[in-house]
């Protein structure tokens, strides 16, 4: 029993040294293809896979090349997945915009009275703080998604996700209000 604990402890120490030796270079390599957060996640996931398969791993001399190959394939998979997600997100945002356009039957519908505008601003204030901040920067201040991402040190994809969720929330929360109040034009 004591021998098993020593073996696990020795392997854990070797694994820590192995991680410290290669992780930095692998993250640097991954960052050539993906953002820093995704690169760190990819490398972390690779080391978790290695840890999970520690009983069957055979260490070779060219382990660095093998690790780089794993990172390269993981980055490729990540980017392909992002491409699918981006396509879905773009279609969803376009559909929301089309739904908004269909909602208005005539140009007079654009002229809202004070109560309706207050309802919109009240709904915006009910958004979670991060989504509210991003939504205001994008729609009230007219900032581009890339500028918001740089300012908040997050990915453009995260900005788009917050905006998508905010638009969905606003559409859902305001649809009842807009149906109950007749337009006074």
Protein backbone atom coordinates (compact mmCIF):
# COMPACT_ATOMS: atom_id res chain seq x y z
CA UNK A 1 0.00 0.00 0.00
CA UNK A 2 2.77 2.40 0.92
CA UNK A 3 4.62 1.51 -2.29
CA UNK A 4 1.55 2.48 -4.36
CA UNK A 5 1.34 5.89 -2.66
CA UNK A 6 5.03 6.48 -3.33
CA UNK A 7 4.59 5.52 -7.00
CA UNK A 8 1.64 7.92 -7.36
CA UNK A 9 3.58 10.66 -5.61
CA UNK A 10 6.60 10.14 -7.85
CA UNK A 11 4.42 10.17 -10.98
CA UNK A 12 2.67 13.33 -9.77
CA UNK A 13 6.01 15.07 -9.32
CA UNK A 14 7.20 13.96 -12.76
CA UNK A 15 3.94 15.10 -14.28
CA UNK A 16 4.25 18.54 -12.66
CA UNK A 17 7.76 18.88 -14.04
CA UNK A 18 6.56 17.63 -17.45
CA UNK A 19 3.73 20.19 -17.41
CA UNK A 20 6.02 23.05 -16.40
CA UNK A 21 8.52 22.09 -19.09
CA UNK A 22 6.06 22.05 -22.00
CA UNK A 23 2.90 24.00 -21.15
CA UNK A 24 4.28 27.47 -21.81
CA UNK A 25 5.62 26.59 -25.25
CA UNK A 26 2.39 24.81 -26.15
CA UNK A 27 0.24 27.78 -25.15
CA UNK A 28 2.52 30.06 -27.16
CA UNK A 29 2.12 27.74 -30.16
CA UNK A 30 -1.67 27.56 -29.75
CA UNK A 31 -1.93 31.37 -29.56
CA UNK A 32 -0.77 31.55 -33.16
CA UNK A 33 -4.13 30.10 -34.15
CA UNK A 34 -6.61 30.92 -31.35
CA UNK A 35 -7.00 33.57 -28.66
CA UNK A 36 -5.08 33.32 -25.40
CA UNK A 37 -7.99 31.89 -23.37
CA UNK A 38 -8.77 29.19 -25.92
CA UNK A 39 -5.07 28.36 -26.21
CA UNK A 40 -4.75 27.90 -22.47
CA UNK A 41 -7.90 25.75 -22.40
CA UNK A 42 -6.66 23.58 -25.26
CA UNK A 43 -3.28 22.96 -23.63
CA UNK A 44 -4.92 22.32 -20.28
CA UNK A 45 -7.29 19.78 -21.88
CA UNK A 46 -4.37 18.01 -23.53
CA UNK A 47 -2.57 17.65 -20.22
CA UNK A 48 -5.79 16.38 -18.63
CA UNK A 49 -6.03 13.72 -21.36
CA UNK A 50 -2.44 12.74 -20.67
CA UNK A 51 -3.14 12.58 -16.94
CA UNK A 52 -6.25 10.44 -17.51
CA UNK A 53 -4.23 8.00 -19.66
CA UNK A 54 -1.18 8.00 -17.42
CA UNK A 55 -1.29 4.24 -16.90
CA UNK A 56 -0.94 3.55 -20.64
CA UNK A 57 1.42 6.34 -21.69
CA UNK A 58 4.80 5.52 -23.12
CA UNK A 59 7.15 8.50 -23.11
CA UNK A 60 9.13 8.88 -26.30
CA UNK A 61 12.10 11.03 -27.15
CA UNK A 62 10.12 13.21 -29.56
CA UNK A 63 7.33 13.97 -27.06
CA UNK A 64 7.57 17.69 -27.86
CA UNK A 65 6.61 17.06 -31.48
CA UNK A 66 3.80 14.80 -30.38
CA UNK A 67 2.47 17.49 -28.01
CA UNK A 68 2.71 20.15 -30.72
CA UNK A 69 0.79 17.87 -33.05
CA UNK A 70 -1.90 17.38 -30.39
CA UNK A 71 -2.19 21.14 -29.92
CA UNK A 72 -2.33 21.71 -33.68
CA UNK A 73 -5.18 19.20 -34.07
CA UNK A 74 -7.02 20.58 -31.05
CA UNK A 75 -6.75 24.13 -32.46
CA UNK A 76 -8.07 22.91 -35.80
CA UNK A 77 -11.04 21.22 -34.08
CA UNK A 78 -11.66 24.35 -32.00
CA UNK A 79 -11.64 26.62 -35.05
CA UNK A 80 -13.96 24.32 -37.01
CA UNK A 81 -16.34 24.29 -34.04
CA UNK A 82 -16.14 28.09 -33.77
CA UNK A 83 -16.96 28.35 -37.46
CA UNK A 84 -20.12 26.28 -36.93
CA UNK A 85 -21.06 28.32 -33.85
CA UNK A 86 -20.42 31.61 -35.64
CA UNK A 87 -22.60 30.55 -38.53
CA UNK A 88 -25.37 29.61 -36.12
CA UNK A 89 -24.96 32.86 -34.15
CA UNK A 90 -25.00 35.01 -37.28
CA UNK A 91 -28.14 33.29 -38.48
CA UNK A 92 -29.77 33.73 -35.07
CA UNK A 93 -28.89 37.44 -34.91
CA UNK A 94 -30.15 37.94 -38.48
CA UNK A 95 -33.39 36.17 -37.59
CA UNK A 96 -33.91 38.41 -34.57
CA UNK A 97 -33.36 41.49 -36.75
CA UNK A 98 -35.77 40.14 -39.38
CA UNK A 99 -38.33 39.41 -36.67
CA UNK A 100 -37.94 42.97 -35.39
CA UNK A 101 -38.48 44.37 -38.89
CA UNK A 102 -41.55 42.21 -39.41
CA UNK A 103 -42.94 43.41 -36.10
CA UNK A 104 -43.31 46.93 -37.42
CA UNK A 105 -46.09 47.08 -39.95
CA UNK A 106 -45.63 50.69 -40.94
CA UNK A 107 -43.13 53.52 -40.40
CA UNK A 108 -45.42 55.15 -37.84
CA UNK A 109 -44.65 52.26 -35.52
CA UNK A 110 -41.18 53.69 -35.05
CA UNK A 111 -42.53 56.70 -33.22
CA UNK A 112 -42.88 55.57 -29.66
CA UNK A 113 -44.35 57.54 -26.81
CA UNK A 114 -42.58 58.23 -23.53
CA UNK A 115 -44.06 55.22 -21.67
CA UNK A 116 -42.87 52.79 -24.25
CA UNK A 117 -39.34 54.21 -24.25
CA UNK A 118 -39.26 54.02 -20.45
CA UNK A 119 -40.28 50.36 -20.67
CA UNK A 120 -37.40 49.70 -23.05
CA UNK A 121 -34.87 51.40 -20.75
CA UNK A 122 -36.32 49.63 -17.70
CA UNK A 123 -35.91 46.30 -19.47
CA UNK A 124 -32.32 47.15 -20.37
CA UNK A 125 -31.63 47.85 -16.70
CA UNK A 126 -32.94 44.37 -15.81
CA UNK A 127 -30.23 42.70 -17.89
CA UNK A 128 -27.31 41.08 -16.02
CA UNK A 129 -24.63 43.71 -15.43
CA UNK A 130 -22.09 42.38 -17.96
CA UNK A 131 -24.73 41.94 -20.69
CA UNK A 132 -26.22 45.35 -19.89
CA UNK A 133 -22.83 47.04 -20.16
CA UNK A 134 -22.00 45.34 -23.46
CA UNK A 135 -25.49 46.00 -24.87
CA UNK A 136 -25.31 49.71 -23.98
CA UNK A 137 -21.86 50.03 -25.55
CA UNK A 138 -23.06 48.36 -28.75
CA UNK A 139 -26.54 49.86 -29.18
CA UNK A 140 -26.63 53.09 -27.20
CA UNK A 141 -23.03 54.21 -27.74
CA UNK A 142 -22.64 52.61 -31.19
CA UNK A 143 -19.34 50.88 -30.45
CA UNK A 144 -18.16 48.04 -32.68
CA UNK A 145 -18.00 44.53 -31.27
CA UNK A 146 -14.24 44.39 -31.75
CA UNK A 147 -13.75 47.64 -29.83
CA UNK A 148 -15.92 46.39 -26.96
CA UNK A 149 -13.97 43.12 -26.85
CA UNK A 150 -10.64 44.96 -26.66
CA UNK A 151 -11.92 47.37 -24.02
CA UNK A 152 -13.26 44.58 -21.78
CA UNK A 153 -10.43 42.13 -22.59
CA UNK A 154 -12.82 39.44 -23.82
CA UNK A 155 -13.30 37.74 -27.16
CA UNK A 156 -15.53 39.17 -29.90
CA UNK A 157 -17.46 35.92 -29.68
CA UNK A 158 -18.24 36.62 -26.01
CA UNK A 159 -19.44 40.11 -26.93
CA UNK A 160 -21.73 38.66 -29.60
CA UNK A 161 -23.09 36.08 -27.17
CA UNK A 162 -23.92 38.77 -24.59
CA UNK A 163 -25.64 40.90 -27.24
CA UNK A 164 -27.58 37.93 -28.60
CA UNK A 165 -28.82 37.01 -25.11
CA UNK A 166 -29.65 40.64 -24.32
CA UNK A 167 -31.67 41.06 -27.53
CA UNK A 168 -33.53 37.84 -26.85
CA UNK A 169 -34.30 38.92 -23.29
CA UNK A 170 -35.47 42.36 -24.41
CA UNK A 171 -37.60 40.96 -27.18
CA UNK A 172 -39.23 38.49 -24.78
CA UNK A 173 -39.75 40.99 -21.96
CA UNK A 174 -41.04 43.78 -24.21
CA UNK A 175 -43.29 41.71 -26.45
CA UNK A 176 -46.01 41.50 -23.80
CA UNK A 177 -45.72 45.19 -22.99
CA UNK A 178 -45.90 46.23 -26.63
CA UNK A 179 -48.94 44.07 -27.24
CA UNK A 180 -50.79 45.53 -24.24
CA UNK A 181 -50.15 49.20 -25.02
CA UNK A 182 -51.74 50.55 -28.18
CA UNK A 183 -49.66 52.91 -30.25
CA UNK A 184 -50.87 56.46 -29.68
CA UNK A 185 -50.08 57.93 -33.06
